[in-house]
Amino acid sequence: PEVITMEDEPVRAIRRKKQSSIVLAATAVREGE
């Protein structure tokens, strides 16, 4: 449901937007999915 935009500060966005497409896609790789 969440989106990290081009204007977002990268590290802060990764830590705060846990339900973003970038975070969840990266997490799928970490978890072996």
PDB file of all heavy atoms in Angstrom:
ATOM      1  N   PRO A   1       0.782  -1.239   0.000  1.00  0.00           N
ATOM      2  CA  PRO A   1       0.000   0.000   0.000  1.00  0.00           C
ATOM      3  C   PRO A   1       0.814   1.290   0.000  1.00  0.00           C
ATOM      4  O   PRO A   1       0.331   2.323  -0.466  1.00  0.00           O
ATOM      5  CB  PRO A   1      -0.830  -0.101   1.284  1.00  0.00           C
ATOM      6  CG  PRO A   1      -0.090  -1.072   2.144  1.00  0.00           C
ATOM      7  CD  PRO A   1       0.567  -2.037   1.221  1.00  0.00           C
ATOM      8  N   GLU A   2       2.054   1.239   0.476  1.00  0.00           N
ATOM      9  CA  GLU A   2       2.862   2.458   0.549  1.00  0.00           C
ATOM     10  C   GLU A   2       3.799   2.579  -0.650  1.00  0.00           C
ATOM     11  O   GLU A   2       4.207   1.575  -1.237  1.00  0.00           O
ATOM     12  CB  GLU A   2       3.677   2.479   1.845  1.00  0.00           C
ATOM     13  CG  GLU A   2       2.836   2.573   3.106  1.00  0.00           C
ATOM     14  CD  GLU A   2       3.689   2.621   4.354  1.00  0.00           C
ATOM     15  OE1 GLU A   2       4.427   1.646   4.596  1.00  0.00           O
ATOM     16  OE2 GLU A   2       3.613   3.629   5.083  1.00  0.00           O
ATOM     17  N   VAL A   3       4.136   3.830  -0.990  1.00  0.00           N
ATOM     18  CA  VAL A   3       5.035   4.093  -2.116  1.00  0.00           C
ATOM     19  C   VAL A   3       6.152   5.017  -1.656  1.00  0.00           C
ATOM     20  O   VAL A   3       5.892   6.053  -1.033  1.00  0.00           O
ATOM     21  CB  VAL A   3       4.287   4.750  -3.295  1.00  0.00           C
ATOM     22  CG1 VAL A   3       5.262   5.094  -4.420  1.00  0.00           C
ATOM     23  CG2 VAL A   3       3.189   3.820  -3.808  1.00  0.00           C
ATOM     24  N   ILE A   4       7.386   4.651  -1.952  1.00  0.00           N
ATOM     25  CA  ILE A   4       8.528   5.540  -1.706  1.00  0.00           C
ATOM     26  C   ILE A   4       8.704   6.399  -2.944  1.00  0.00           C
ATOM     27  O   ILE A   4       8.964   5.881  -4.039  1.00  0.00           O
ATOM     28  CB  ILE A   4       9.805   4.736  -1.407  1.00  0.00           C
ATOM     29  CG1 ILE A   4       9.645   3.984  -0.085  1.00  0.00           C
ATOM     30  CG2 ILE A   4      11.022   5.659  -1.347  1.00  0.00           C
ATOM     31  CD1 ILE A   4      10.835   3.107   0.275  1.00  0.00           C
ATOM     32  N   THR A   5       8.549   7.699  -2.798  1.00  0.00           N
ATOM     33  CA  THR A   5       8.626   8.610  -3.935  1.00  0.00           C
ATOM     34  C   THR A   5      10.069   9.051  -4.191  1.00  0.00           C
ATOM     35  O   THR A   5      10.966   8.807  -3.384  1.00  0.00           O
ATOM     36  CB  THR A   5       7.763   9.854  -3.685  1.00  0.00           C
ATOM     37  OG1 THR A   5       8.350  10.630  -2.627  1.00  0.00           O
ATOM     38  CG2 THR A   5       6.333   9.453  -3.291  1.00  0.00           C
ATOM     39  N   MET A   6      10.271   9.732  -5.312  1.00  0.00           N
ATOM     40  CA  MET A   6      11.597  10.242  -5.654  1.00  0.00           C
ATOM     41  C   MET A   6      12.050  11.316  -4.662  1.00  0.00           C
ATOM     42  O   MET A   6      13.252  11.564  -4.508  1.00  0.00           O
ATOM     43  CB  MET A   6      11.593  10.810  -7.081  1.00  0.00           C
ATOM     44  CG  MET A   6      11.340   9.769  -8.155  1.00  0.00           C
ATOM     45  SD  MET A   6      12.651   8.519  -8.234  1.00  0.00           S
ATOM     46  CE  MET A   6      12.170   7.630  -9.722  1.00  0.00           C
ATOM     47  N   GLU A   7      11.101  11.961  -3.984  1.00  0.00           N
ATOM     48  CA  GLU A   7      11.431  13.042  -3.064  1.00  0.00           C
ATOM     49  C   GLU A   7      11.776  12.538  -1.665  1.00  0.00           C
ATOM     50  O   GLU A   7      12.344  13.273  -0.848  1.00  0.00           O
ATOM     51  CB  GLU A   7      10.258  14.027  -2.950  1.00  0.00           C
ATOM     52  CG  GLU A   7       9.976  14.835  -4.218  1.00  0.00           C
ATOM     53  CD  GLU A   7       9.315  14.001  -5.319  1.00  0.00           C
ATOM     54  OE1 GLU A   7       8.583  13.035  -4.979  1.00  0.00           O
ATOM     55  OE2 GLU A   7       9.539  14.309  -6.501  1.00  0.00           O
ATOM     56  N   ASP A   8      11.458  11.287  -1.361  1.00  0.00           N
ATOM     57  CA  ASP A   8      11.704  10.739  -0.024  1.00  0.00           C
ATOM     58  C   ASP A   8      13.202  10.590   0.252  1.00  0.00           C
ATOM     59  O   ASP A   8      13.981  10.234  -0.649  1.00  0.00           O
ATOM     60  CB  ASP A   8      11.041   9.368   0.126  1.00  0.00           C
ATOM     61  CG  ASP A   8       9.546   9.460   0.357  1.00  0.00           C
ATOM     62  OD1 ASP A   8       9.090  10.487   0.890  1.00  0.00           O
ATOM     63  OD2 ASP A   8       8.829   8.507  -0.006  1.00  0.00           O
ATOM     64  N   GLU A   9      13.600  10.842   1.505  1.00  0.00           N
ATOM     65  CA  GLU A   9      14.979  10.601   1.918  1.00  0.00           C
ATOM     66  C   GLU A   9      15.144   9.089   2.023  1.00  0.00           C
ATOM     67  O   GLU A   9      14.396   8.425   2.748  1.00  0.00           O
ATOM     68  CB  GLU A   9      15.249  11.279   3.257  1.00  0.00           C
ATOM     69  CG  GLU A   9      16.723  11.397   3.615  1.00  0.00           C
ATOM     70  CD  GLU A   9      17.325  10.079   4.080  1.00  0.00           C
ATOM     71  OE1 GLU A   9      16.646   9.353   4.833  1.00  0.00           O
ATOM     72  OE2 GLU A   9      18.458   9.768   3.660  1.00  0.00           O
ATOM     73  N   PRO A  10      16.109   8.507   1.304  1.00  0.00           N
ATOM     74  CA  PRO A  10      16.180   7.051   1.129  1.00  0.00           C
ATOM     75  C   PRO A  10      16.168   6.219   2.405  1.00  0.00           C
ATOM     76  O   PRO A  10      15.283   5.365   2.575  1.00  0.00           O
ATOM     77  CB  PRO A  10      17.488   6.861   0.357  1.00  0.00           C
ATOM     78  CG  PRO A  10      17.637   8.125  -0.420  1.00  0.00           C
ATOM     79  CD  PRO A  10      17.120   9.197   0.489  1.00  0.00           C
ATOM     80  N   VAL A  11      17.121   6.428   3.280  1.00  0.00           N
ATOM     81  CA  VAL A  11      17.230   5.561   4.455  1.00  0.00           C
ATOM     82  C   VAL A  11      16.027   5.741   5.380  1.00  0.00           C
ATOM     83  O   VAL A  11      15.468   4.757   5.898  1.00  0.00           O
ATOM     84  CB  VAL A  11      18.546   5.837   5.210  1.00  0.00           C
ATOM     85  CG1 VAL A  11      18.607   5.001   6.489  1.00  0.00           C
ATOM     86  CG2 VAL A  11      19.750   5.510   4.315  1.00  0.00           C
ATOM     87  N   ARG A  12      15.593   6.972   5.562  1.00  0.00           N
ATOM     88  CA  ARG A  12      14.424   7.235   6.410  1.00  0.00           C
ATOM     89  C   ARG A  12      13.186   6.547   5.831  1.00  0.00           C
ATOM     90  O   ARG A  12      12.379   5.967   6.564  1.00  0.00           O
ATOM     91  CB  ARG A  12      14.185   8.738   6.544  1.00  0.00           C
ATOM     92  CG  ARG A  12      13.055   9.088   7.533  1.00  0.00           C
ATOM     93  CD  ARG A  12      12.839  10.588   7.642  1.00  0.00           C
ATOM     94  NE  ARG A  12      14.004  11.247   8.214  1.00  0.00           N
ATOM     95  CZ  ARG A  12      14.774  12.104   7.571  1.00  0.00           C
ATOM     96  NH1 ARG A  12      14.509  12.396   6.300  1.00  0.00           N
ATOM     97  NH2 ARG A  12      15.800  12.656   8.149  1.00  0.00           N
ATOM     98  N   ALA A  13      13.043   6.606   4.502  1.00  0.00           N
ATOM     99  CA  ALA A  13      11.881   5.988   3.857  1.00  0.00           C
ATOM    100  C   ALA A  13      11.900   4.471   4.021  1.00  0.00           C
ATOM    101  O   ALA A  13      10.859   3.846   4.276  1.00  0.00           O
ATOM    102  CB  ALA A  13      11.850   6.357   2.377  1.00  0.00           C
ATOM    103  N   ILE A  14      13.073   3.865   3.892  1.00  0.00           N
ATOM    104  CA  ILE A  14      13.195   2.415   4.053  1.00  0.00           C
ATOM    105  C   ILE A  14      12.789   1.998   5.463  1.00  0.00           C
ATOM    106  O   ILE A  14      12.144   0.965   5.678  1.00  0.00           O
ATOM    107  CB  ILE A  14      14.638   1.954   3.756  1.00  0.00           C
ATOM    108  CG1 ILE A  14      14.958   2.104   2.262  1.00  0.00           C
ATOM    109  CG2 ILE A  14      14.861   0.513   4.194  1.00  0.00           C
ATOM    110  CD1 ILE A  14      14.111   1.266   1.351  1.00  0.00           C
ATOM    111  N   ARG A  15      13.150   2.804   6.439  1.00  0.00           N
ATOM    112  CA  ARG A  15      12.866   2.461   7.839  1.00  0.00           C
ATOM    113  C   ARG A  15      11.426   2.750   8.239  1.00  0.00           C
ATOM    114  O   ARG A  15      10.874   2.063   9.106  1.00  0.00           O
ATOM    115  CB  ARG A  15      13.833   3.228   8.749  1.00  0.00           C
ATOM    116  CG  ARG A  15      15.272   2.696   8.654  1.00  0.00           C
ATOM    117  CD  ARG A  15      16.238   3.541   9.437  1.00  0.00           C
ATOM    118  NE  ARG A  15      17.580   2.929   9.422  1.00  0.00           N
ATOM    119  CZ  ARG A  15      18.692   3.572   9.765  1.00  0.00           C
ATOM    120  NH1 ARG A  15      18.627   4.831  10.156  1.00  0.00           N
ATOM    121  NH2 ARG A  15      19.860   2.954   9.736  1.00  0.00           N
ATOM    122  N   ARG A  16      10.819   3.759   7.612  1.00  0.00           N
ATOM    123  CA  ARG A  16       9.473   4.157   8.023  1.00  0.00           C
ATOM    124  C   ARG A  16       8.370   3.533   7.179  1.00  0.00           C
ATOM    125  O   ARG A  16       7.294   3.218   7.686  1.00  0.00           O
ATOM    126  CB  ARG A  16       9.351   5.689   7.984  1.00  0.00           C
ATOM    127  CG  ARG A  16      10.208   6.388   9.039  1.00  0.00           C
ATOM    128  CD  ARG A  16       9.997   7.884   8.989  1.00  0.00           C
ATOM    129  NE  ARG A  16      10.770   8.561  10.048  1.00  0.00           N
ATOM    130  CZ  ARG A  16      10.780   9.879  10.223  1.00  0.00           C
ATOM    131  NH1 ARG A  16      10.059  10.666   9.421  1.00  0.00           N
ATOM    132  NH2 ARG A  16      11.504  10.408  11.201  1.00  0.00           N
ATOM    133  N   LYS A  17       8.618   3.362   5.879  1.00  0.00           N
ATOM    134  CA  LYS A  17       7.589   2.834   4.990  1.00  0.00           C
ATOM    135  C   LYS A  17       7.783   1.331   4.808  1.00  0.00           C
ATOM    136  O   LYS A  17       8.177   0.847   3.746  1.00  0.00           O
ATOM    137  CB  LYS A  17       7.608   3.567   3.654  1.00  0.00           C
ATOM    138  CG  LYS A  17       7.206   5.040   3.768  1.00  0.00           C
ATOM    139  CD  LYS A  17       7.093   5.702   2.396  1.00  0.00           C
ATOM    140  CE  LYS A  17       6.573   7.138   2.503  1.00  0.00           C
ATOM    141  NZ  LYS A  17       6.417   7.785   1.181  1.00  0.00           N
ATOM    142  N   LYS A  18       7.481   0.588   5.859  1.00  0.00           N
ATOM    143  CA  LYS A  18       7.705  -0.857   5.867  1.00  0.00           C
ATOM    144  C   LYS A  18       6.806  -1.609   4.885  1.00  0.00           C
ATOM    145  O   LYS A  18       7.108  -2.732   4.495  1.00  0.00           O
ATOM    146  CB  LYS A  18       7.471  -1.411   7.276  1.00  0.00           C
ATOM    147  CG  LYS A  18       8.384  -0.818   8.347  1.00  0.00           C
ATOM    148  CD  LYS A  18       9.826  -1.223   8.140  1.00  0.00           C
ATOM    149  CE  LYS A  18      10.702  -0.787   9.310  1.00  0.00           C
ATOM    150  NZ  LYS A  18      12.125  -1.142   9.102  1.00  0.00           N
ATOM    151  N   GLN A  19       5.666  -0.987   4.514  1.00  0.00           N
ATOM    152  CA  GLN A  19       4.735  -1.635   3.590  1.00  0.00           C
ATOM    153  C   GLN A  19       4.855  -1.080   2.168  1.00  0.00           C
ATOM    154  O   GLN A  19       3.934  -1.203   1.381  1.00  0.00           O
ATOM    155  CB  GLN A  19       3.304  -1.465   4.104  1.00  0.00           C
ATOM    156  CG  GLN A  19       3.028  -2.167   5.426  1.00  0.00           C
ATOM    157  CD  GLN A  19       3.286  -3.667   5.333  1.00  0.00           C
ATOM    158  OE1 GLN A  19       2.727  -4.339   4.467  1.00  0.00           O
ATOM    159  NE2 GLN A  19       4.121  -4.194   6.217  1.00  0.00           N
ATOM    160  N   SER A  20       6.005  -0.493   1.869  1.00  0.00           N
ATOM    161  CA  SER A  20       6.220   0.042   0.520  1.00  0.00           C
ATOM    162  C   SER A  20       6.657  -1.075  -0.427  1.00  0.00           C
ATOM    163  O   SER A  20       7.151  -2.127   0.002  1.00  0.00           O
ATOM    164  CB  SER A  20       7.288   1.127   0.542  1.00  0.00           C
ATOM    165  OG  SER A  20       8.548   0.581   0.899  1.00  0.00           O
ATOM    166  N   SER A  21       6.482  -0.833  -1.721  1.00  0.00           N
ATOM    167  CA  SER A  21       6.836  -1.838  -2.729  1.00  0.00           C
ATOM    168  C   SER A  21       8.335  -2.137  -2.727  1.00  0.00           C
ATOM    169  O   SER A  21       8.744  -3.289  -2.938  1.00  0.00           O
ATOM    170  CB  SER A  21       6.381  -1.370  -4.117  1.00  0.00           C
ATOM    171  OG  SER A  21       6.824  -0.047  -4.377  1.00  0.00           O
ATOM    172  N   ILE A  22       9.174  -1.137  -2.483  1.00  0.00           N
ATOM    173  CA  ILE A  22      10.625  -1.356  -2.463  1.00  0.00           C
ATOM    174  C   ILE A  22      11.015  -2.225  -1.274  1.00  0.00           C
ATOM    175  O   ILE A  22      11.765  -3.208  -1.426  1.00  0.00           O
ATOM    176  CB  ILE A  22      11.380  -0.007  -2.428  1.00  0.00           C
ATOM    177  CG1 ILE A  22      11.281   0.685  -3.796  1.00  0.00           C
ATOM    178  CG2 ILE A  22      12.842  -0.205  -2.036  1.00  0.00           C
ATOM    179  CD1 ILE A  22      11.949   2.039  -3.852  1.00  0.00           C
ATOM    180  N   VAL A  23      10.517  -1.893  -0.100  1.00  0.00           N
ATOM    181  CA  VAL A  23      10.875  -2.646   1.110  1.00  0.00           C
ATOM    182  C   VAL A  23      10.379  -4.080   1.031  1.00  0.00           C
ATOM    183  O   VAL A  23      11.121  -5.033   1.327  1.00  0.00           O
ATOM    184  CB  VAL A  23      10.322  -1.946   2.371  1.00  0.00           C
ATOM    185  CG1 VAL A  23      10.477  -2.842   3.591  1.00  0.00           C
ATOM    186  CG2 VAL A  23      11.041  -0.620   2.593  1.00  0.00           C
ATOM    187  N   LEU A  24       9.134  -4.278   0.635  1.00  0.00           N
ATOM    188  CA  LEU A  24       8.575  -5.629   0.593  1.00  0.00           C
ATOM    189  C   LEU A  24       9.234  -6.486  -0.487  1.00  0.00           C
ATOM    190  O   LEU A  24       9.445  -7.690  -0.286  1.00  0.00           O
ATOM    191  CB  LEU A  24       7.064  -5.565   0.366  1.00  0.00           C
ATOM    192  CG  LEU A  24       6.248  -4.983   1.531  1.00  0.00           C
ATOM    193  CD1 LEU A  24       4.776  -4.909   1.176  1.00  0.00           C
ATOM    194  CD2 LEU A  24       6.449  -5.817   2.794  1.00  0.00           C
ATOM    195  N   ALA A  25       9.590  -5.890  -1.629  1.00  0.00           N
ATOM    196  CA  ALA A  25      10.261  -6.656  -2.686  1.00  0.00           C
ATOM    197  C   ALA A  25      11.656  -7.077  -2.233  1.00  0.00           C
ATOM    198  O   ALA A  25      12.077  -8.219  -2.448  1.00  0.00           O
ATOM    199  CB  ALA A  25      10.339  -5.822  -3.960  1.00  0.00           C
ATOM    200  N   ALA A  26      12.382  -6.163  -1.604  1.00  0.00           N
ATOM    201  CA  ALA A  26      13.712  -6.504  -1.094  1.00  0.00           C
ATOM    202  C   ALA A  26      13.625  -7.553   0.002  1.00  0.00           C
ATOM    203  O   ALA A  26      14.459  -8.473   0.079  1.00  0.00           O
ATOM    204  CB  ALA A  26      14.409  -5.246  -0.578  1.00  0.00           C
ATOM    205  N   THR A  27      12.617  -7.446   0.855  1.00  0.00           N
ATOM    206  CA  THR A  27      12.424  -8.420   1.930  1.00  0.00           C
ATOM    207  C   THR A  27      12.137  -9.814   1.372  1.00  0.00           C
ATOM    208  O   THR A  27      12.591 -10.824   1.923  1.00  0.00           O
ATOM    209  CB  THR A  27      11.276  -7.979   2.861  1.00  0.00           C
ATOM    210  OG1 THR A  27      11.580  -6.680   3.399  1.00  0.00           O
ATOM    211  CG2 THR A  27      11.079  -8.960   3.998  1.00  0.00           C
ATOM    212  N   ALA A  28      11.403  -9.878   0.278  1.00  0.00           N
ATOM    213  CA  ALA A  28      11.117 -11.174  -0.351  1.00  0.00           C
ATOM    214  C   ALA A  28      12.405 -11.867  -0.781  1.00  0.00           C
ATOM    215  O   ALA A  28      12.530 -13.093  -0.666  1.00  0.00           O
ATOM    216  CB  ALA A  28      10.195 -10.971  -1.560  1.00  0.00           C
ATOM    217  N   VAL A  29      13.371 -11.081  -1.256  1.00  0.00           N
ATOM    218  CA  VAL A  29      14.667 -11.658  -1.641  1.00  0.00           C
ATOM    219  C   VAL A  29      15.418 -12.140  -0.401  1.00  0.00           C
ATOM    220  O   VAL A  29      15.974 -13.233  -0.382  1.00  0.00           O
ATOM    221  CB  VAL A  29      15.502 -10.626  -2.421  1.00  0.00           C
ATOM    222  CG1 VAL A  29      16.898 -11.172  -2.725  1.00  0.00           C
ATOM    223  CG2 VAL A  29      14.800 -10.245  -3.726  1.00  0.00           C
ATOM    224  N   ARG A  30      15.423 -11.328   0.632  1.00  0.00           N
ATOM    225  CA  ARG A  30      16.121 -11.717   1.863  1.00  0.00           C
ATOM    226  C   ARG A  30      15.543 -12.998   2.456  1.00  0.00           C
ATOM    227  O   ARG A  30      16.270 -13.864   2.950  1.00  0.00           O
ATOM    228  CB  ARG A  30      16.022 -10.596   2.898  1.00  0.00           C
ATOM    229  CG  ARG A  30      16.805 -10.888   4.192  1.00  0.00           C
ATOM    230  CD  ARG A  30      16.486  -9.867   5.258  1.00  0.00           C
ATOM    231  NE  ARG A  30      15.094  -9.954   5.704  1.00  0.00           N
ATOM    232  CZ  ARG A  30      14.493  -9.046   6.463  1.00  0.00           C
ATOM    233  NH1 ARG A  30      15.149  -7.954   6.839  1.00  0.00           N
ATOM    234  NH2 ARG A  30      13.229  -9.197   6.827  1.00  0.00           N
ATOM    235  N   GLU A  31      14.219 -13.131   2.388  1.00  0.00           N
ATOM    236  CA  GLU A  31      13.553 -14.291   2.982  1.00  0.00           C
ATOM    237  C   GLU A  31      13.558 -15.513   2.069  1.00  0.00           C
ATOM    238  O   GLU A  31      13.027 -16.562   2.424  1.00  0.00           O
ATOM    239  CB  GLU A  31      12.099 -13.928   3.328  1.00  0.00           C
ATOM    240  CG  GLU A  31      11.958 -12.784   4.327  1.00  0.00           C
ATOM    241  CD  GLU A  31      12.586 -13.104   5.668  1.00  0.00           C
ATOM    242  OE1 GLU A  31      12.540 -14.288   6.077  1.00  0.00           O
ATOM    243  OE2 GLU A  31      13.128 -12.177   6.309  1.00  0.00           O
ATOM    244  N   GLY A  32      14.132 -15.399   0.875  1.00  0.00           N
ATOM    245  CA  GLY A  32      14.203 -16.533  -0.029  1.00  0.00           C
ATOM    246  C   GLY A  32      12.949 -16.766  -0.847  1.00  0.00           C
ATOM    247  O   GLY A  32      12.820 -17.788  -1.514  1.00  0.00           O
ATOM    248  N   GLU A  33      12.013 -15.815  -0.799  1.00  0.00           N
ATOM    249  CA  GLU A  33      10.780 -15.946  -1.572  1.00  0.00           C
ATOM    250  C   GLU A  33      10.978 -15.520  -3.027  1.00  0.00           C
ATOM    251  O   GLU A  33      10.151 -15.817  -3.886  1.00  0.00           O
ATOM    252  CB  GLU A  33       9.680 -15.102  -0.921  1.00  0.00           C
ATOM    253  CG  GLU A  33       9.331 -15.558   0.492  1.00  0.00           C
ATOM    254  CD  GLU A  33       8.503 -14.535   1.253  1.00  0.00           C
ATOM    255  OE1 GLU A  33       8.182 -13.488   0.641  1.00  0.00           O
ATOM    256  OE2 GLU A  33       8.194 -14.770   2.432  1.00  0.00           O
TER     257      GLU A  33
END
